[in-house]
Amino acid sequence: MFKKFIFSLTAIMVLSLVVIAQGGNATLEGYIVDKSCSMKDAKEADPQAAAANETKSCILMESCLKSGLGVYSGGKYIQFDQKGVALAKAALEKSAKDKGAKFKVTGKVTGDKIAVENIEEVE
């Protein structure tokens, strides 16, 4: 009986991973950063901490916005679609934190990109 339970649980987990890998809806939690800085942060010993130290004023600079925005979550940069960029910009402008603001991003992940549905700051 216990073996059947473990097998069923494993099967559910594998199927969930397949759905996510194929572009299912996902919720990511991390730091909004521009694409240019994400490449710099990826070279750091702790990329997640480096992304957390990016300032809001830097990310919102015109040149940084032009490079694109995304979320650094789980050690990986996931790029936003155009709607996501607009939502991220609004979320950053609304945040009281200059750096270290963490956000929950919901949308459909396809490879290293996300079609954003919602962005909200996490306390």
N, C-alpha and C. Protein backbone atom coordinates (compact mmCIF):
# COMPACT_ATOMS: atom_id res chain seq x y z
N MET A 1 0.82 -1.19 0.00
CA MET A 1 0.00 0.00 0.00
C MET A 1 0.87 1.26 0.00
N PHE A 2 1.89 1.26 0.86
CA PHE A 2 2.78 2.42 0.95
C PHE A 2 3.54 2.61 -0.35
N LYS A 3 3.92 1.51 -1.01
CA LYS A 3 4.64 1.60 -2.29
C LYS A 3 3.77 2.25 -3.35
N LYS A 4 2.48 1.94 -3.36
CA LYS A 4 1.56 2.54 -4.33
C LYS A 4 1.44 4.04 -4.08
N PHE A 5 1.40 4.43 -2.80
CA PHE A 5 1.31 5.85 -2.46
C PHE A 5 2.56 6.59 -2.94
N ILE A 6 3.72 6.03 -2.67
CA ILE A 6 4.99 6.66 -3.09
C ILE A 6 5.04 6.73 -4.61
N PHE A 7 4.65 5.67 -5.28
CA PHE A 7 4.65 5.66 -6.75
C PHE A 7 3.71 6.74 -7.29
N SER A 8 2.51 6.84 -6.72
CA SER A 8 1.54 7.85 -7.16
C SER A 8 2.07 9.26 -6.93
N LEU A 9 2.65 9.48 -5.77
CA LEU A 9 3.22 10.79 -5.45
C LEU A 9 4.34 11.15 -6.41
N THR A 10 5.21 10.20 -6.71
CA THR A 10 6.31 10.42 -7.65
C THR A 10 5.76 10.73 -9.05
N ALA A 11 4.75 10.00 -9.47
CA ALA A 11 4.15 10.24 -10.79
C ALA A 11 3.56 11.63 -10.89
N ILE A 12 2.89 12.08 -9.84
CA ILE A 12 2.30 13.42 -9.82
C ILE A 12 3.39 14.48 -9.91
N MET A 13 4.47 14.29 -9.16
CA MET A 13 5.57 15.26 -9.19
C MET A 13 6.20 15.33 -10.58
N VAL A 14 6.42 14.19 -11.21
CA VAL A 14 7.02 14.15 -12.55
C VAL A 14 6.10 14.84 -13.56
N LEU A 15 4.82 14.55 -13.50
CA LEU A 15 3.89 15.18 -14.42
C LEU A 15 3.83 16.70 -14.21
N SER A 16 3.92 17.14 -12.96
CA SER A 16 3.93 18.58 -12.67
C SER A 16 5.14 19.24 -13.28
N LEU A 17 6.29 18.60 -13.16
CA LEU A 17 7.51 19.14 -13.75
C LEU A 17 7.42 19.20 -15.27
N VAL A 18 6.81 18.21 -15.87
CA VAL A 18 6.63 18.20 -17.33
C VAL A 18 5.75 19.36 -17.76
N VAL A 19 4.66 19.60 -17.02
CA VAL A 19 3.76 20.71 -17.35
C VAL A 19 4.51 22.03 -17.25
N ILE A 20 5.29 22.22 -16.19
CA ILE A 20 6.04 23.46 -16.03
C ILE A 20 7.06 23.60 -17.16
N ALA A 21 7.76 22.52 -17.49
CA ALA A 21 8.76 22.57 -18.55
C ALA A 21 8.14 22.88 -19.91
N GLN A 22 6.88 22.50 -20.10
CA GLN A 22 6.21 22.76 -21.36
C GLN A 22 5.53 24.12 -21.39
N GLY A 23 5.70 24.89 -20.37
CA GLY A 23 5.15 26.24 -20.40
C GLY A 23 3.87 26.41 -19.61
N GLY A 24 3.69 25.67 -18.56
CA GLY A 24 2.51 25.83 -17.73
C GLY A 24 2.60 27.10 -16.90
N ASN A 25 1.49 27.47 -16.27
CA ASN A 25 1.50 28.64 -15.40
C ASN A 25 2.39 28.38 -14.20
N ALA A 26 3.08 29.40 -13.80
CA ALA A 26 4.00 29.28 -12.67
C ALA A 26 3.98 30.56 -11.86
N THR A 27 4.38 30.43 -10.61
CA THR A 27 4.57 31.59 -9.75
C THR A 27 6.02 31.58 -9.32
N LEU A 28 6.72 32.66 -9.66
CA LEU A 28 8.12 32.81 -9.31
C LEU A 28 8.26 33.89 -8.26
N GLU A 29 9.18 33.71 -7.35
CA GLU A 29 9.44 34.72 -6.34
C GLU A 29 10.90 35.12 -6.44
N GLY A 30 11.14 36.41 -6.58
CA GLY A 30 12.52 36.88 -6.69
C GLY A 30 12.61 38.38 -6.86
N TYR A 31 13.70 38.81 -7.44
CA TYR A 31 14.02 40.23 -7.57
C TYR A 31 13.92 40.67 -9.02
N ILE A 32 13.24 41.78 -9.25
CA ILE A 32 13.14 42.33 -10.59
C ILE A 32 14.45 43.02 -10.91
N VAL A 33 14.98 42.73 -12.08
CA VAL A 33 16.25 43.31 -12.50
C VAL A 33 16.23 43.44 -14.02
N ASP A 34 17.03 44.37 -14.53
CA ASP A 34 17.10 44.52 -15.99
C ASP A 34 18.03 43.46 -16.56
N LYS A 35 17.91 43.21 -17.85
CA LYS A 35 18.67 42.15 -18.49
C LYS A 35 20.18 42.42 -18.44
N SER A 36 20.58 43.66 -18.62
CA SER A 36 22.01 44.00 -18.59
C SER A 36 22.62 43.64 -17.24
N CYS A 37 21.96 44.04 -16.17
CA CYS A 37 22.47 43.75 -14.83
C CYS A 37 22.38 42.27 -14.50
N SER A 38 21.40 41.57 -15.06
CA SER A 38 21.26 40.14 -14.77
C SER A 38 22.49 39.38 -15.27
N MET A 39 23.05 39.81 -16.40
CA MET A 39 24.24 39.15 -16.93
C MET A 39 25.44 39.40 -16.02
N LYS A 40 25.52 40.60 -15.48
CA LYS A 40 26.59 40.94 -14.53
C LYS A 40 26.40 40.16 -13.24
N ASP A 41 25.18 40.11 -12.74
CA ASP A 41 24.88 39.41 -11.49
C ASP A 41 25.17 37.91 -11.60
N ALA A 42 24.94 37.32 -12.77
CA ALA A 42 25.15 35.89 -12.96
C ALA A 42 26.61 35.49 -12.74
N LYS A 43 27.53 36.44 -12.87
CA LYS A 43 28.96 36.15 -12.70
C LYS A 43 29.39 36.22 -11.24
N GLU A 44 28.51 36.69 -10.37
CA GLU A 44 28.83 36.82 -8.94
C GLU A 44 28.76 35.45 -8.25
N ALA A 45 29.41 35.36 -7.09
CA ALA A 45 29.39 34.12 -6.31
C ALA A 45 27.96 33.78 -5.88
N ASP A 46 27.17 34.80 -5.54
CA ASP A 46 25.77 34.61 -5.16
C ASP A 46 24.91 35.53 -6.02
N PRO A 47 24.51 35.04 -7.21
CA PRO A 47 23.76 35.89 -8.14
C PRO A 47 22.45 36.43 -7.57
N GLN A 48 21.78 35.64 -6.73
CA GLN A 48 20.52 36.07 -6.14
C GLN A 48 20.74 37.29 -5.23
N ALA A 49 21.80 37.26 -4.43
CA ALA A 49 22.12 38.38 -3.55
C ALA A 49 22.53 39.61 -4.37
N ALA A 50 23.25 39.39 -5.45
CA ALA A 50 23.65 40.50 -6.32
C ALA A 50 22.42 41.16 -6.93
N ALA A 51 21.45 40.36 -7.36
CA ALA A 51 20.21 40.90 -7.93
C ALA A 51 19.44 41.68 -6.87
N ALA A 52 19.46 41.21 -5.63
CA ALA A 52 18.76 41.90 -4.54
C ALA A 52 19.38 43.26 -4.25
N ASN A 53 20.64 43.44 -4.59
CA ASN A 53 21.34 44.71 -4.32
C ASN A 53 21.23 45.73 -5.45
N GLU A 54 20.58 45.38 -6.53
CA GLU A 54 20.37 46.35 -7.61
C GLU A 54 19.38 47.41 -7.13
N THR A 55 19.67 48.66 -7.41
CA THR A 55 18.78 49.73 -6.95
C THR A 55 17.63 49.97 -7.93
N LYS A 56 16.53 50.41 -7.36
CA LYS A 56 15.34 50.72 -8.15
C LYS A 56 15.65 51.79 -9.19
N SER A 57 16.40 52.83 -8.78
CA SER A 57 16.71 53.92 -9.70
C SER A 57 17.54 53.44 -10.89
N CYS A 58 18.43 52.49 -10.65
CA CYS A 58 19.23 51.94 -11.75
C CYS A 58 18.36 51.14 -12.71
N ILE A 59 17.53 50.26 -12.16
CA ILE A 59 16.67 49.40 -12.99
C ILE A 59 15.71 50.23 -13.83
N LEU A 60 15.25 51.37 -13.28
CA LEU A 60 14.28 52.21 -13.98
C LEU A 60 14.92 53.22 -14.93
N MET A 61 16.26 53.22 -15.04
CA MET A 61 16.91 54.11 -16.01
C MET A 61 16.50 53.69 -17.42
N GLU A 62 16.39 54.65 -18.31
CA GLU A 62 15.93 54.39 -19.68
C GLU A 62 16.77 53.30 -20.37
N SER A 63 18.10 53.37 -20.24
CA SER A 63 18.97 52.39 -20.90
C SER A 63 18.74 50.99 -20.33
N CYS A 64 18.50 50.90 -19.04
CA CYS A 64 18.25 49.59 -18.42
C CYS A 64 16.89 49.04 -18.83
N LEU A 65 15.89 49.91 -18.87
CA LEU A 65 14.57 49.48 -19.31
C LEU A 65 14.60 48.97 -20.75
N LYS A 66 15.40 49.62 -21.59
CA LYS A 66 15.51 49.19 -23.00
C LYS A 66 16.10 47.80 -23.13
N SER A 67 16.95 47.40 -22.18
CA SER A 67 17.55 46.06 -22.26
C SER A 67 16.53 44.98 -21.91
N GLY A 68 15.44 45.39 -21.25
CA GLY A 68 14.39 44.46 -20.86
C GLY A 68 14.43 44.20 -19.37
N LEU A 69 13.32 43.75 -18.83
CA LEU A 69 13.23 43.43 -17.41
C LEU A 69 12.85 41.97 -17.25
N GLY A 70 13.18 41.45 -16.08
CA GLY A 70 12.82 40.08 -15.75
C GLY A 70 12.95 39.87 -14.26
N VAL A 71 12.80 38.63 -13.84
CA VAL A 71 12.91 38.29 -12.43
C VAL A 71 14.06 37.31 -12.25
N TYR A 72 14.86 37.55 -11.24
CA TYR A 72 15.94 36.63 -10.87
C TYR A 72 15.38 35.76 -9.76
N SER A 73 15.11 34.51 -10.08
CA SER A 73 14.47 33.59 -9.15
C SER A 73 15.14 32.22 -9.24
N GLY A 74 15.48 31.68 -8.09
CA GLY A 74 16.08 30.34 -8.08
C GLY A 74 17.39 30.26 -8.83
N GLY A 75 18.14 31.34 -8.82
CA GLY A 75 19.43 31.36 -9.49
C GLY A 75 19.36 31.50 -11.00
N LYS A 76 18.19 31.86 -11.52
CA LYS A 76 18.01 31.97 -12.97
C LYS A 76 17.25 33.25 -13.31
N TYR A 77 17.64 33.90 -14.40
CA TYR A 77 16.96 35.09 -14.89
C TYR A 77 15.88 34.67 -15.88
N ILE A 78 14.64 35.08 -15.62
CA ILE A 78 13.51 34.80 -16.50
C ILE A 78 13.03 36.14 -17.04
N GLN A 79 13.09 36.31 -18.36
CA GLN A 79 12.76 37.59 -19.00
C GLN A 79 11.25 37.77 -19.14
N PHE A 80 10.79 39.02 -18.91
CA PHE A 80 9.38 39.36 -19.03
C PHE A 80 9.00 39.69 -20.48
N ASP A 81 7.73 39.46 -20.80
CA ASP A 81 7.17 39.95 -22.06
C ASP A 81 6.86 41.44 -21.89
N GLN A 82 6.33 42.09 -22.91
CA GLN A 82 6.08 43.53 -22.85
C GLN A 82 5.11 43.91 -21.74
N LYS A 83 4.06 43.12 -21.56
CA LYS A 83 3.11 43.38 -20.48
C LYS A 83 3.82 43.27 -19.13
N GLY A 84 4.69 42.30 -19.01
CA GLY A 84 5.44 42.11 -17.78
C GLY A 84 6.36 43.27 -17.47
N VAL A 85 6.97 43.84 -18.51
CA VAL A 85 7.84 45.00 -18.31
C VAL A 85 7.03 46.16 -17.75
N ALA A 86 5.86 46.39 -18.31
CA ALA A 86 5.00 47.48 -17.82
C ALA A 86 4.55 47.23 -16.38
N LEU A 87 4.17 45.99 -16.07
CA LEU A 87 3.75 45.66 -14.71
C LEU A 87 4.92 45.76 -13.73
N ALA A 88 6.10 45.34 -14.16
CA ALA A 88 7.29 45.41 -13.30
C ALA A 88 7.68 46.85 -13.02
N LYS A 89 7.63 47.67 -14.05
CA LYS A 89 7.96 49.09 -13.87
C LYS A 89 7.01 49.72 -12.85
N ALA A 90 5.73 49.44 -12.98
CA ALA A 90 4.73 49.98 -12.05
C ALA A 90 4.96 49.44 -10.63
N ALA A 91 5.30 48.16 -10.52
CA ALA A 91 5.52 47.57 -9.20
C ALA A 91 6.76 48.16 -8.54
N LEU A 92 7.81 48.39 -9.32
CA LEU A 92 9.02 49.00 -8.78
C LEU A 92 8.76 50.43 -8.32
N GLU A 93 8.05 51.18 -9.15
CA GLU A 93 7.74 52.57 -8.81
C GLU A 93 6.89 52.66 -7.54
N LYS A 94 6.01 51.69 -7.33
CA LYS A 94 5.13 51.67 -6.18
C LYS A 94 5.85 51.24 -4.90
N SER A 95 6.90 50.44 -5.05
CA SER A 95 7.61 49.91 -3.88
C SER A 95 8.30 51.02 -3.08
N ALA A 96 8.26 50.90 -1.77
CA ALA A 96 8.93 51.86 -0.90
C ALA A 96 10.41 51.55 -0.75
N LYS A 97 10.82 50.36 -1.15
CA LYS A 97 12.22 49.94 -1.02
C LYS A 97 13.03 50.40 -2.22
N ASP A 98 14.25 50.90 -1.96
CA ASP A 98 15.14 51.28 -3.05
C ASP A 98 15.87 50.07 -3.62
N LYS A 99 16.13 49.07 -2.78
CA LYS A 99 16.70 47.81 -3.25
C LYS A 99 16.28 46.70 -2.31
N GLY A 100 16.34 45.49 -2.80
CA GLY A 100 15.97 44.34 -1.99
C GLY A 100 14.49 44.03 -1.95
N ALA A 101 13.70 44.71 -2.78
CA ALA A 101 12.26 44.41 -2.83
C ALA A 101 12.07 43.08 -3.57
N LYS A 102 11.32 42.19 -2.94
CA LYS A 102 11.06 40.88 -3.52
C LYS A 102 9.65 40.86 -4.09
N PHE A 103 9.49 40.22 -5.24
CA PHE A 103 8.20 40.20 -5.93
C PHE A 103 7.77 38.79 -6.27
N LYS A 104 6.45 38.60 -6.30
CA LYS A 104 5.85 37.35 -6.75
C LYS A 104 5.31 37.61 -8.15
N VAL A 105 5.79 36.82 -9.10
CA VAL A 105 5.42 36.99 -10.51
C VAL A 105 4.67 35.74 -10.96
N THR A 106 3.48 35.95 -11.51
CA THR A 106 2.67 34.84 -11.99
C THR A 106 2.51 34.97 -13.50
N GLY A 107 2.65 33.84 -14.19
CA GLY A 107 2.48 33.85 -15.64
C GLY A 107 2.82 32.51 -16.25
N LYS A 108 2.86 32.50 -17.56
CA LYS A 108 3.15 31.28 -18.31
C LYS A 108 4.62 31.28 -18.72
N VAL A 109 5.36 30.31 -18.21
CA VAL A 109 6.79 30.20 -18.50
C VAL A 109 6.99 29.35 -19.74
N THR A 110 7.81 29.87 -20.64
CA THR A 110 8.22 29.13 -21.82
C THR A 110 9.73 29.31 -21.96
N GLY A 111 10.47 28.27 -21.63
CA GLY A 111 11.92 28.36 -21.68
C GLY A 111 12.43 29.33 -20.63
N ASP A 112 13.11 30.39 -21.10
CA ASP A 112 13.65 31.40 -20.17
C ASP A 112 12.86 32.70 -20.23
N LYS A 113 11.60 32.61 -20.65
CA LYS A 113 10.73 33.79 -20.73
C LYS A 113 9.42 33.51 -20.02
N ILE A 114 8.77 34.60 -19.57
CA ILE A 114 7.48 34.46 -18.91
C ILE A 114 6.50 35.50 -19.46
N ALA A 115 5.33 35.02 -19.83
CA ALA A 115 4.22 35.89 -20.22
C ALA A 115 3.51 36.25 -18.92
N VAL A 116 3.76 37.44 -18.43
CA VAL A 116 3.34 37.83 -17.09
C VAL A 116 1.85 38.14 -17.03
N GLU A 117 1.22 37.60 -15.98
CA GLU A 117 -0.18 37.89 -15.70
C GLU A 117 -0.30 38.86 -14.54
N ASN A 118 0.59 38.73 -13.54
CA ASN A 118 0.49 39.55 -12.35
C ASN A 118 1.85 39.66 -11.65
N ILE A 119 2.10 40.84 -11.05
CA ILE A 119 3.30 41.06 -10.23
C ILE A 119 2.86 41.75 -8.96
N GLU A 120 3.28 41.20 -7.82
CA GLU A 120 2.99 41.87 -6.55
C GLU A 120 4.19 41.73 -5.62
N GLU A 121 4.38 42.77 -4.81
CA GLU A 121 5.51 42.78 -3.89
C GLU A 121 5.23 41.83 -2.73
N VAL A 122 6.27 41.13 -2.31
CA VAL A 122 6.20 40.21 -1.18
C VAL A 122 6.81 40.92 0.03
N GLU A 123 6.18 40.81 1.15
CA GLU A 123 6.70 41.46 2.37
C GLU A 123 7.91 40.75 2.89
